[in-house]
N, C-alpha and C. Protein backbone atom coordinates (compact mmCIF):
# COMPACT_ATOMS: atom_id res chain seq x y z
N UNK A 1 150.50 121.94 53.46
CA UNK A 1 150.66 123.27 53.99
C UNK A 1 151.80 124.01 53.28
N UNK A 2 152.88 123.30 52.99
CA UNK A 2 154.00 123.95 52.31
C UNK A 2 153.60 124.41 50.92
N UNK A 3 152.72 123.68 50.26
CA UNK A 3 152.26 124.08 48.93
C UNK A 3 151.49 125.39 49.01
N UNK A 4 150.62 125.53 50.03
CA UNK A 4 149.85 126.76 50.21
C UNK A 4 150.79 127.92 50.51
N UNK A 5 151.77 127.71 51.39
CA UNK A 5 152.73 128.77 51.70
C UNK A 5 153.53 129.17 50.46
N UNK A 6 153.93 128.20 49.66
CA UNK A 6 154.69 128.49 48.44
C UNK A 6 153.85 129.27 47.45
N UNK A 7 152.59 128.87 47.28
CA UNK A 7 151.70 129.61 46.38
C UNK A 7 151.47 131.03 46.87
N UNK A 8 151.29 131.18 48.19
CA UNK A 8 151.08 132.51 48.75
C UNK A 8 152.29 133.40 48.48
N UNK A 9 153.50 132.88 48.71
CA UNK A 9 154.71 133.66 48.46
C UNK A 9 154.85 133.99 46.98
N UNK A 10 154.48 133.06 46.11
CA UNK A 10 154.55 133.31 44.68
C UNK A 10 153.60 134.45 44.28
N UNK A 11 152.38 134.42 44.80
CA UNK A 11 151.40 135.46 44.48
C UNK A 11 151.85 136.81 45.04
N UNK A 12 152.33 136.84 46.27
CA UNK A 12 152.80 138.10 46.86
C UNK A 12 153.99 138.65 46.06
N UNK A 13 154.88 137.78 45.62
CA UNK A 13 156.00 138.22 44.79
C UNK A 13 155.51 138.81 43.48
N UNK A 14 154.53 138.16 42.85
CA UNK A 14 153.98 138.67 41.60
C UNK A 14 153.36 140.05 41.79
N UNK A 15 152.57 140.19 42.85
CA UNK A 15 151.92 141.49 43.10
C UNK A 15 152.95 142.57 43.38
N UNK A 16 154.04 142.21 44.04
CA UNK A 16 155.05 143.23 44.33
C UNK A 16 155.78 143.68 43.06
N UNK A 17 155.69 142.89 41.98
CA UNK A 17 156.29 143.31 40.72
C UNK A 17 155.44 144.34 39.99
N UNK A 18 154.15 144.40 40.30
CA UNK A 18 153.26 145.39 39.69
C UNK A 18 153.30 146.63 40.57
N UNK A 19 154.02 147.65 40.13
CA UNK A 19 154.17 148.86 40.92
C UNK A 19 153.30 149.95 40.33
N UNK A 20 152.62 150.65 41.15
CA UNK A 20 151.88 151.81 40.72
C UNK A 20 152.15 152.93 41.70
N UNK A 21 151.54 154.08 41.47
CA UNK A 21 151.64 155.11 42.49
C UNK A 21 151.01 154.54 43.75
N UNK A 22 151.69 154.59 44.87
CA UNK A 22 151.08 154.07 46.08
C UNK A 22 149.80 154.85 46.37
N UNK A 23 148.73 154.16 46.62
CA UNK A 23 147.46 154.80 46.90
C UNK A 23 146.43 154.48 45.84
N UNK A 24 145.25 154.90 46.11
CA UNK A 24 144.11 154.63 45.23
C UNK A 24 143.49 155.96 44.84
N UNK A 25 143.17 156.14 43.55
CA UNK A 25 142.54 157.38 43.09
C UNK A 25 141.13 157.45 43.67
N UNK A 26 140.81 158.54 44.35
CA UNK A 26 139.45 158.70 44.86
C UNK A 26 138.76 159.94 44.29
N UNK A 27 139.50 160.84 43.65
CA UNK A 27 138.87 162.02 43.06
C UNK A 27 139.82 162.62 42.02
N UNK A 28 139.22 163.27 41.02
CA UNK A 28 139.99 163.98 39.99
C UNK A 28 139.30 165.31 39.73
N UNK A 29 140.07 166.40 39.74
CA UNK A 29 139.54 167.71 39.36
C UNK A 29 139.60 167.82 37.85
N UNK A 30 138.45 167.75 37.20
CA UNK A 30 138.38 167.85 35.74
C UNK A 30 137.85 169.23 35.37
N UNK A 31 138.44 169.89 34.37
CA UNK A 31 138.01 171.23 33.98
C UNK A 31 136.71 171.20 33.19
N UNK A 32 135.97 172.31 33.22
CA UNK A 32 134.75 172.42 32.42
C UNK A 32 135.02 173.10 31.08
N UNK A 33 136.18 173.73 30.92
CA UNK A 33 136.59 174.33 29.64
C UNK A 33 138.00 173.88 29.34
N UNK A 34 138.21 173.40 28.12
CA UNK A 34 139.55 172.97 27.72
C UNK A 34 139.88 173.57 26.36
N UNK A 35 141.16 173.87 26.12
CA UNK A 35 141.54 174.55 24.88
C UNK A 35 141.64 173.59 23.70
N UNK A 36 141.07 173.99 22.60
CA UNK A 36 141.15 173.20 21.37
C UNK A 36 142.59 173.21 20.88
N UNK A 37 143.16 172.03 20.65
CA UNK A 37 144.52 171.92 20.17
C UNK A 37 145.57 172.30 21.20
N UNK A 38 145.21 172.37 22.46
CA UNK A 38 146.15 172.76 23.51
C UNK A 38 146.27 171.69 24.58
N UNK A 39 146.67 172.10 25.77
CA UNK A 39 146.79 171.19 26.90
C UNK A 39 146.04 171.75 28.09
N UNK A 40 145.71 170.87 29.02
CA UNK A 40 145.10 171.29 30.27
C UNK A 40 145.65 170.42 31.39
N UNK A 41 145.59 170.94 32.61
CA UNK A 41 146.10 170.21 33.78
C UNK A 41 144.94 169.63 34.57
N UNK A 42 145.18 168.45 35.12
CA UNK A 42 144.20 167.83 36.02
C UNK A 42 144.93 167.42 37.29
N UNK A 43 144.25 167.55 38.41
CA UNK A 43 144.80 167.11 39.68
C UNK A 43 144.10 165.83 40.09
N UNK A 44 144.89 164.81 40.38
CA UNK A 44 144.38 163.50 40.78
C UNK A 44 144.69 163.32 42.26
N UNK A 45 143.67 162.93 43.04
CA UNK A 45 143.81 162.75 44.48
C UNK A 45 143.86 161.27 44.83
N UNK A 46 144.82 160.91 45.68
CA UNK A 46 145.03 159.52 46.08
C UNK A 46 144.78 159.37 47.58
N UNK A 47 144.28 158.20 47.97
CA UNK A 47 144.19 157.85 49.38
C UNK A 47 144.97 156.56 49.58
N UNK A 48 145.51 156.35 50.78
CA UNK A 48 146.32 155.18 51.04
C UNK A 48 145.51 153.89 50.99
N UNK A 49 146.02 152.89 50.29
CA UNK A 49 145.37 151.58 50.19
C UNK A 49 146.45 150.52 50.30
N UNK A 50 146.06 149.28 50.62
CA UNK A 50 147.06 148.21 50.67
C UNK A 50 147.69 147.98 49.30
N UNK A 51 148.82 147.33 49.31
CA UNK A 51 149.56 147.08 48.08
C UNK A 51 148.76 146.21 47.11
N UNK A 52 147.78 145.47 47.62
CA UNK A 52 147.02 144.57 46.74
C UNK A 52 146.00 145.31 45.89
N UNK A 53 145.92 146.62 45.99
CA UNK A 53 145.00 147.43 45.20
C UNK A 53 145.84 148.37 44.35
N UNK A 54 145.87 148.16 43.03
CA UNK A 54 146.78 148.92 42.17
C UNK A 54 146.02 149.57 41.01
N UNK A 55 146.05 150.91 40.95
CA UNK A 55 145.56 151.64 39.77
C UNK A 55 146.66 151.59 38.72
N UNK A 56 146.31 151.14 37.51
CA UNK A 56 147.33 150.94 36.48
C UNK A 56 147.59 152.18 35.64
N UNK A 57 146.59 153.01 35.40
CA UNK A 57 146.75 154.18 34.56
C UNK A 57 145.44 154.91 34.42
N UNK A 58 145.45 155.99 33.67
CA UNK A 58 144.23 156.77 33.41
C UNK A 58 144.10 156.93 31.90
N UNK A 59 142.98 156.46 31.36
CA UNK A 59 142.66 156.64 29.95
C UNK A 59 141.80 157.89 29.85
N UNK A 60 142.25 158.89 29.10
CA UNK A 60 141.52 160.14 28.93
C UNK A 60 140.73 160.08 27.63
N UNK A 61 139.47 160.48 27.67
CA UNK A 61 138.65 160.45 26.47
C UNK A 61 137.68 161.61 26.41
N UNK A 62 137.25 161.93 25.19
CA UNK A 62 136.20 162.91 24.97
C UNK A 62 135.04 162.18 24.30
N UNK A 63 133.88 162.25 24.94
CA UNK A 63 132.69 161.58 24.43
C UNK A 63 131.68 162.66 24.05
N UNK A 64 131.05 162.50 22.89
CA UNK A 64 130.04 163.47 22.49
C UNK A 64 128.98 163.55 23.57
N UNK A 65 128.55 164.77 23.87
CA UNK A 65 127.68 165.02 25.02
C UNK A 65 126.34 164.30 24.91
N UNK A 66 125.83 164.11 23.69
CA UNK A 66 124.51 163.50 23.54
C UNK A 66 124.54 161.98 23.57
N UNK A 67 125.71 161.36 23.67
CA UNK A 67 125.80 159.90 23.77
C UNK A 67 125.52 159.49 25.21
N UNK A 68 124.52 158.63 25.38
CA UNK A 68 124.15 158.15 26.71
C UNK A 68 124.78 156.77 26.89
N UNK A 69 125.89 156.72 27.59
CA UNK A 69 126.61 155.46 27.82
C UNK A 69 127.49 155.66 29.04
N UNK A 70 127.11 155.04 30.15
CA UNK A 70 127.86 155.24 31.39
C UNK A 70 129.28 154.70 31.36
N UNK A 71 129.53 153.67 30.56
CA UNK A 71 130.84 153.03 30.56
C UNK A 71 131.65 153.32 29.30
N UNK A 72 131.28 154.33 28.53
CA UNK A 72 131.99 154.65 27.28
C UNK A 72 133.01 155.77 27.51
N UNK A 73 134.18 155.60 26.94
CA UNK A 73 135.23 156.61 27.03
C UNK A 73 135.06 157.66 25.95
N UNK A 74 134.48 157.29 24.82
CA UNK A 74 134.45 158.16 23.66
C UNK A 74 135.73 157.95 22.88
N UNK A 75 136.27 159.01 22.29
CA UNK A 75 137.54 158.88 21.57
C UNK A 75 138.68 159.15 22.54
N UNK A 76 139.64 158.24 22.59
CA UNK A 76 140.76 158.40 23.50
C UNK A 76 141.65 159.55 23.04
N UNK A 77 141.97 160.46 23.98
CA UNK A 77 142.85 161.58 23.66
C UNK A 77 144.18 161.48 24.39
N UNK A 78 144.31 160.52 25.30
CA UNK A 78 145.57 160.39 26.02
C UNK A 78 145.56 159.25 27.02
N UNK A 79 146.73 159.00 27.58
CA UNK A 79 146.89 157.97 28.61
C UNK A 79 147.96 158.43 29.58
N UNK A 80 147.69 158.31 30.87
CA UNK A 80 148.66 158.62 31.91
C UNK A 80 149.01 157.32 32.61
N UNK A 81 150.28 156.96 32.58
CA UNK A 81 150.74 155.73 33.20
C UNK A 81 150.90 155.94 34.70
N UNK A 82 150.23 155.11 35.50
CA UNK A 82 150.40 155.17 36.94
C UNK A 82 151.31 154.05 37.43
N UNK A 83 151.87 153.29 36.52
CA UNK A 83 152.77 152.18 36.85
C UNK A 83 154.19 152.71 36.91
N UNK A 84 154.55 153.30 38.05
CA UNK A 84 155.85 153.95 38.21
C UNK A 84 156.58 153.30 39.38
N UNK A 85 157.50 152.39 39.10
CA UNK A 85 158.22 151.71 40.18
C UNK A 85 158.99 152.70 41.05
N UNK A 86 158.97 152.45 42.35
CA UNK A 86 159.76 153.24 43.28
C UNK A 86 159.18 154.58 43.66
N UNK A 87 157.98 154.92 43.20
CA UNK A 87 157.42 156.23 43.56
C UNK A 87 156.89 156.19 44.98
N UNK A 88 156.84 157.35 45.60
CA UNK A 88 156.35 157.45 46.97
C UNK A 88 154.94 158.00 46.97
N UNK A 89 154.24 157.79 48.07
CA UNK A 89 152.86 158.24 48.17
C UNK A 89 152.80 159.76 48.25
N UNK A 90 151.91 160.33 47.46
CA UNK A 90 151.56 161.75 47.53
C UNK A 90 150.04 161.82 47.52
N UNK A 91 149.47 162.72 48.29
CA UNK A 91 148.02 162.83 48.37
C UNK A 91 147.42 163.33 47.06
N UNK A 92 148.20 164.07 46.26
CA UNK A 92 147.70 164.53 44.96
C UNK A 92 148.87 164.67 43.99
N UNK A 93 148.55 164.51 42.73
CA UNK A 93 149.52 164.68 41.65
C UNK A 93 148.82 165.42 40.52
N UNK A 94 149.58 166.22 39.78
CA UNK A 94 149.03 166.97 38.65
C UNK A 94 149.61 166.40 37.36
N UNK A 95 148.72 166.18 36.39
CA UNK A 95 149.11 165.65 35.09
C UNK A 95 148.63 166.60 34.00
N UNK A 96 149.32 166.60 32.86
CA UNK A 96 148.95 167.44 31.72
C UNK A 96 148.42 166.54 30.61
N UNK A 97 147.27 166.92 30.04
CA UNK A 97 146.63 166.15 28.98
C UNK A 97 146.52 167.04 27.74
N UNK A 98 146.80 166.49 26.57
CA UNK A 98 146.70 167.23 25.30
C UNK A 98 145.36 166.97 24.63
N UNK A 99 144.84 168.00 23.96
CA UNK A 99 143.58 167.88 23.22
C UNK A 99 143.89 168.06 21.74
N UNK A 100 143.51 167.10 20.90
CA UNK A 100 143.72 167.26 19.46
C UNK A 100 142.97 168.48 18.92
N UNK A 101 143.46 169.01 17.81
CA UNK A 101 142.94 170.25 17.25
C UNK A 101 141.54 170.12 16.64
N UNK A 102 141.10 168.92 16.29
CA UNK A 102 139.82 168.78 15.58
C UNK A 102 138.60 168.77 16.49
N UNK A 103 138.77 168.86 17.80
CA UNK A 103 137.62 168.91 18.71
C UNK A 103 137.18 170.35 18.91
N UNK A 104 135.87 170.55 18.90
CA UNK A 104 135.30 171.85 19.23
C UNK A 104 133.84 171.63 19.61
N UNK A 105 133.40 172.27 20.68
CA UNK A 105 132.01 172.16 21.10
C UNK A 105 131.88 171.52 22.47
N UNK A 106 130.70 170.98 22.74
CA UNK A 106 130.39 170.40 24.04
C UNK A 106 130.62 168.89 24.04
N UNK A 107 131.33 168.43 25.06
CA UNK A 107 131.68 167.02 25.20
C UNK A 107 131.56 166.62 26.66
N UNK A 108 131.75 165.33 26.91
CA UNK A 108 131.94 164.82 28.26
C UNK A 108 133.39 164.37 28.34
N UNK A 109 134.15 164.97 29.26
CA UNK A 109 135.53 164.57 29.48
C UNK A 109 135.51 163.35 30.40
N UNK A 110 136.20 162.28 30.00
CA UNK A 110 136.16 161.01 30.73
C UNK A 110 137.56 160.64 31.19
N UNK A 111 137.67 160.19 32.45
CA UNK A 111 138.90 159.62 32.98
C UNK A 111 138.56 158.21 33.45
N UNK A 112 139.06 157.20 32.73
CA UNK A 112 138.80 155.80 33.06
C UNK A 112 140.07 155.22 33.68
N UNK A 113 139.92 154.60 34.86
CA UNK A 113 141.08 154.08 35.59
C UNK A 113 140.94 152.58 35.78
N UNK A 114 141.67 151.77 35.00
CA UNK A 114 141.66 150.33 35.23
C UNK A 114 142.52 150.00 36.45
N UNK A 115 142.09 149.00 37.23
CA UNK A 115 142.84 148.61 38.42
C UNK A 115 142.75 147.11 38.63
N UNK A 116 143.69 146.59 39.42
CA UNK A 116 143.62 145.21 39.87
C UNK A 116 143.55 145.22 41.38
N UNK A 117 142.90 144.19 41.93
CA UNK A 117 142.72 144.13 43.37
C UNK A 117 142.79 142.68 43.83
N UNK A 118 143.34 142.50 45.02
CA UNK A 118 143.37 141.18 45.63
C UNK A 118 144.52 140.33 45.16
N UNK A 119 144.69 139.22 45.85
CA UNK A 119 145.79 138.32 45.52
C UNK A 119 145.56 137.67 44.16
N UNK A 120 144.29 137.48 43.81
CA UNK A 120 144.00 136.86 42.52
C UNK A 120 144.13 137.84 41.36
N UNK A 121 144.28 139.11 41.63
CA UNK A 121 144.50 140.10 40.59
C UNK A 121 143.28 140.37 39.73
N UNK A 122 142.09 140.36 40.35
CA UNK A 122 140.86 140.64 39.60
C UNK A 122 140.90 142.08 39.10
N UNK A 123 140.49 142.28 37.86
CA UNK A 123 140.53 143.61 37.27
C UNK A 123 139.16 144.25 37.19
N UNK A 124 139.13 145.54 37.23
CA UNK A 124 137.92 146.32 37.08
C UNK A 124 138.35 147.74 36.72
N UNK A 125 137.42 148.68 36.71
CA UNK A 125 137.77 150.06 36.43
C UNK A 125 136.81 150.99 37.18
N UNK A 126 137.26 152.20 37.37
CA UNK A 126 136.40 153.27 37.87
C UNK A 126 136.48 154.41 36.87
N UNK A 127 135.45 155.27 36.87
CA UNK A 127 135.36 156.31 35.86
C UNK A 127 134.94 157.63 36.50
N UNK A 128 135.56 158.72 36.05
CA UNK A 128 135.19 160.07 36.45
C UNK A 128 134.82 160.83 35.19
N UNK A 129 133.78 161.66 35.25
CA UNK A 129 133.34 162.41 34.07
C UNK A 129 133.06 163.87 34.44
N UNK A 130 133.12 164.73 33.43
CA UNK A 130 132.81 166.15 33.59
C UNK A 130 132.34 166.68 32.24
N UNK A 131 131.19 167.34 32.21
CA UNK A 131 130.77 168.02 30.98
C UNK A 131 131.73 169.17 30.74
N UNK A 132 132.14 169.35 29.49
CA UNK A 132 133.12 170.39 29.20
C UNK A 132 132.87 170.99 27.82
N UNK A 133 133.46 172.15 27.62
CA UNK A 133 133.41 172.84 26.33
C UNK A 133 134.84 172.93 25.80
N UNK A 134 135.03 172.50 24.56
CA UNK A 134 136.33 172.61 23.90
C UNK A 134 136.24 173.79 22.95
N UNK A 135 137.11 174.80 23.15
CA UNK A 135 137.05 175.99 22.30
C UNK A 135 138.44 176.59 22.15
N UNK A 136 138.56 177.50 21.17
CA UNK A 136 139.82 178.19 20.94
C UNK A 136 140.01 179.39 21.86
N UNK A 137 138.96 179.82 22.55
CA UNK A 137 139.07 180.97 23.44
C UNK A 137 140.00 180.66 24.60
N UNK A 138 140.89 181.59 24.94
CA UNK A 138 141.68 181.41 26.16
C UNK A 138 140.75 181.35 27.37
N UNK A 139 141.22 180.71 28.43
CA UNK A 139 140.37 180.50 29.60
C UNK A 139 139.88 181.79 30.24
N UNK A 140 140.67 182.86 30.20
CA UNK A 140 140.26 184.08 30.89
C UNK A 140 139.30 184.93 30.05
N UNK A 141 138.98 184.50 28.83
CA UNK A 141 138.03 185.23 27.98
C UNK A 141 136.81 184.37 27.76
N UNK A 142 135.64 184.92 28.05
CA UNK A 142 134.40 184.20 27.81
C UNK A 142 133.89 184.53 26.41
N UNK A 143 133.45 183.53 25.64
CA UNK A 143 132.95 183.82 24.29
C UNK A 143 131.67 184.63 24.37
N UNK A 144 131.39 185.47 23.35
CA UNK A 144 130.17 186.27 23.37
C UNK A 144 128.95 185.37 23.16
N UNK A 145 127.83 185.78 23.73
CA UNK A 145 126.59 185.05 23.48
C UNK A 145 125.99 185.57 22.18
N UNK A 146 125.25 184.72 21.48
CA UNK A 146 124.66 185.12 20.21
C UNK A 146 123.18 184.82 20.19
N UNK A 147 122.45 185.59 19.38
CA UNK A 147 121.02 185.36 19.22
C UNK A 147 120.81 184.27 18.18
N UNK A 148 119.56 183.92 17.91
CA UNK A 148 119.26 182.84 16.97
C UNK A 148 119.72 183.18 15.54
N UNK A 149 119.86 184.47 15.21
CA UNK A 149 120.33 184.83 13.87
C UNK A 149 121.85 185.02 13.82
N UNK A 150 122.55 184.70 14.92
CA UNK A 150 124.01 184.75 14.92
C UNK A 150 124.61 186.08 15.31
N UNK A 151 123.78 187.08 15.64
CA UNK A 151 124.29 188.39 16.03
C UNK A 151 124.70 188.37 17.51
N UNK A 152 125.83 189.01 17.84
CA UNK A 152 126.25 189.05 19.25
C UNK A 152 125.23 189.78 20.11
N UNK A 153 124.95 189.22 21.29
CA UNK A 153 124.03 189.88 22.22
C UNK A 153 124.74 190.32 23.49
N UNK A 154 125.95 189.90 23.68
CA UNK A 154 126.70 190.28 24.87
C UNK A 154 128.12 190.62 24.47
N UNK A 155 128.84 191.18 25.39
CA UNK A 155 130.22 191.57 25.09
C UNK A 155 131.16 190.44 25.47
N UNK A 156 132.34 190.46 24.88
CA UNK A 156 133.38 189.54 25.29
C UNK A 156 133.95 190.08 26.59
N UNK A 157 133.97 189.25 27.60
CA UNK A 157 134.46 189.70 28.90
C UNK A 157 135.79 189.05 29.20
N UNK A 158 136.56 189.74 29.99
CA UNK A 158 137.88 189.24 30.36
C UNK A 158 138.04 189.38 31.86
N UNK A 159 138.89 188.56 32.43
CA UNK A 159 139.16 188.64 33.85
C UNK A 159 140.02 189.84 34.21
N UNK A 160 140.68 190.47 33.26
CA UNK A 160 141.54 191.62 33.51
C UNK A 160 140.93 192.85 32.87
N UNK A 161 140.37 193.78 33.68
CA UNK A 161 139.77 194.97 33.08
C UNK A 161 140.83 195.89 32.49
N UNK A 162 140.46 196.58 31.42
CA UNK A 162 141.36 197.55 30.80
C UNK A 162 141.34 198.83 31.60
N UNK A 163 142.47 199.49 31.67
CA UNK A 163 142.54 200.77 32.37
C UNK A 163 143.06 201.82 31.41
N UNK A 164 142.83 203.07 31.74
CA UNK A 164 143.29 204.17 30.89
C UNK A 164 142.28 204.48 29.81
N UNK A 165 142.68 205.34 28.89
CA UNK A 165 141.78 205.70 27.80
C UNK A 165 142.53 205.60 26.49
N UNK A 166 141.78 205.35 25.44
CA UNK A 166 142.36 205.26 24.10
C UNK A 166 141.54 206.17 23.20
N UNK A 167 141.87 207.45 23.21
CA UNK A 167 141.13 208.41 22.40
C UNK A 167 141.81 208.57 21.06
N UNK A 168 141.09 208.28 19.96
CA UNK A 168 141.71 208.45 18.64
C UNK A 168 141.85 209.93 18.30
N UNK A 169 142.91 210.26 17.58
CA UNK A 169 143.07 211.61 17.06
C UNK A 169 143.17 211.50 15.55
N UNK A 170 142.42 212.33 14.87
CA UNK A 170 142.41 212.29 13.41
C UNK A 170 143.17 213.50 12.90
N UNK A 171 144.18 213.22 12.11
CA UNK A 171 145.00 214.28 11.52
C UNK A 171 144.24 214.92 10.36
N UNK A 172 144.64 216.12 9.96
CA UNK A 172 144.00 216.72 8.80
C UNK A 172 144.22 215.85 7.56
N UNK A 173 143.32 216.00 6.60
CA UNK A 173 143.40 215.20 5.38
C UNK A 173 144.63 215.63 4.59
N UNK A 174 145.38 214.66 4.15
CA UNK A 174 146.57 214.92 3.34
C UNK A 174 146.14 215.12 1.90
N UNK A 175 147.01 215.63 1.06
CA UNK A 175 146.66 215.84 -0.34
C UNK A 175 146.23 214.54 -1.03
N UNK A 176 146.70 213.38 -0.56
CA UNK A 176 146.32 212.12 -1.21
C UNK A 176 144.91 211.70 -0.82
N UNK A 177 144.33 212.35 0.16
CA UNK A 177 142.99 211.99 0.61
C UNK A 177 142.99 210.89 1.66
N UNK A 178 144.15 210.54 2.21
CA UNK A 178 144.22 209.45 3.20
C UNK A 178 144.68 209.99 4.54
N UNK A 179 143.75 210.18 5.48
CA UNK A 179 144.18 210.63 6.81
C UNK A 179 144.84 209.48 7.57
N UNK A 180 145.67 209.81 8.52
CA UNK A 180 146.27 208.81 9.40
C UNK A 180 145.54 208.90 10.73
N UNK A 181 144.99 207.80 11.16
CA UNK A 181 144.30 207.75 12.45
C UNK A 181 145.23 207.06 13.42
N UNK A 182 145.54 207.74 14.52
CA UNK A 182 146.42 207.11 15.50
C UNK A 182 145.67 206.98 16.82
N UNK A 183 145.94 205.90 17.51
CA UNK A 183 145.32 205.62 18.80
C UNK A 183 146.45 205.54 19.80
N UNK A 184 146.18 206.03 21.02
CA UNK A 184 147.22 205.95 22.04
C UNK A 184 147.58 204.50 22.30
N UNK A 185 148.58 204.26 23.10
CA UNK A 185 149.13 202.94 23.41
C UNK A 185 149.94 202.40 22.24
N UNK A 186 150.53 203.24 21.47
CA UNK A 186 151.45 202.88 20.40
C UNK A 186 150.81 202.02 19.32
N UNK A 187 149.54 202.25 19.04
CA UNK A 187 148.86 201.53 17.97
C UNK A 187 148.52 202.54 16.89
N UNK A 188 148.88 202.26 15.66
CA UNK A 188 148.58 203.16 14.55
C UNK A 188 147.78 202.41 13.51
N UNK A 189 146.68 203.02 13.08
CA UNK A 189 145.84 202.43 12.05
C UNK A 189 145.79 203.39 10.88
N UNK A 190 145.99 202.89 9.68
CA UNK A 190 145.93 203.73 8.48
C UNK A 190 144.61 203.46 7.79
N UNK A 191 143.86 204.52 7.50
CA UNK A 191 142.57 204.37 6.83
C UNK A 191 142.62 205.13 5.51
N UNK A 192 142.02 204.60 4.48
CA UNK A 192 141.96 205.25 3.17
C UNK A 192 140.52 205.66 2.90
N UNK A 193 140.33 206.92 2.50
CA UNK A 193 138.99 207.41 2.20
C UNK A 193 138.70 207.19 0.73
N UNK A 194 137.52 206.70 0.42
CA UNK A 194 137.09 206.55 -0.97
C UNK A 194 136.55 207.89 -1.45
N UNK A 195 136.88 208.27 -2.71
CA UNK A 195 136.41 209.55 -3.24
C UNK A 195 135.18 209.35 -4.06
């Protein structure tokens, strides 16, 4: 009996040395648009679990959208360490992930979370995915739609509408043949006329 008690205390001591954020990841808000060569924020939601269940970290990856593989991360773009000794439980935490500059187009954003569970420390992982578009456009601007020949069919839209008017005024032609075109809002454009 003393051997069993000693082994139990040894295992409990070992598990107490593995510290993670208290709680278990149950959901992650993943964006559908991420900036090429920039960063994006993700919110990770935790629920309370016993100490014997430890999420070790989050491996972030971008997988080409046409690859059919439920357990593939794709190319790793980052890692968030959840092994933080002394941290307290929070229902959610926000992390920032960087995207390398060479990505552009449609991908599957992957968050893979390895964990250990139980006194024996069996390992496994859970995965969250989101189809996403990687582009240089800022989030508040939607890219224009194009036809099959590449011509724009829609306008670029923004979340902030423009107000006021910008009426150009054309000055009389100067002797050099180059009028100055000025637009309100302190923007000046110089145009040269060909003779």
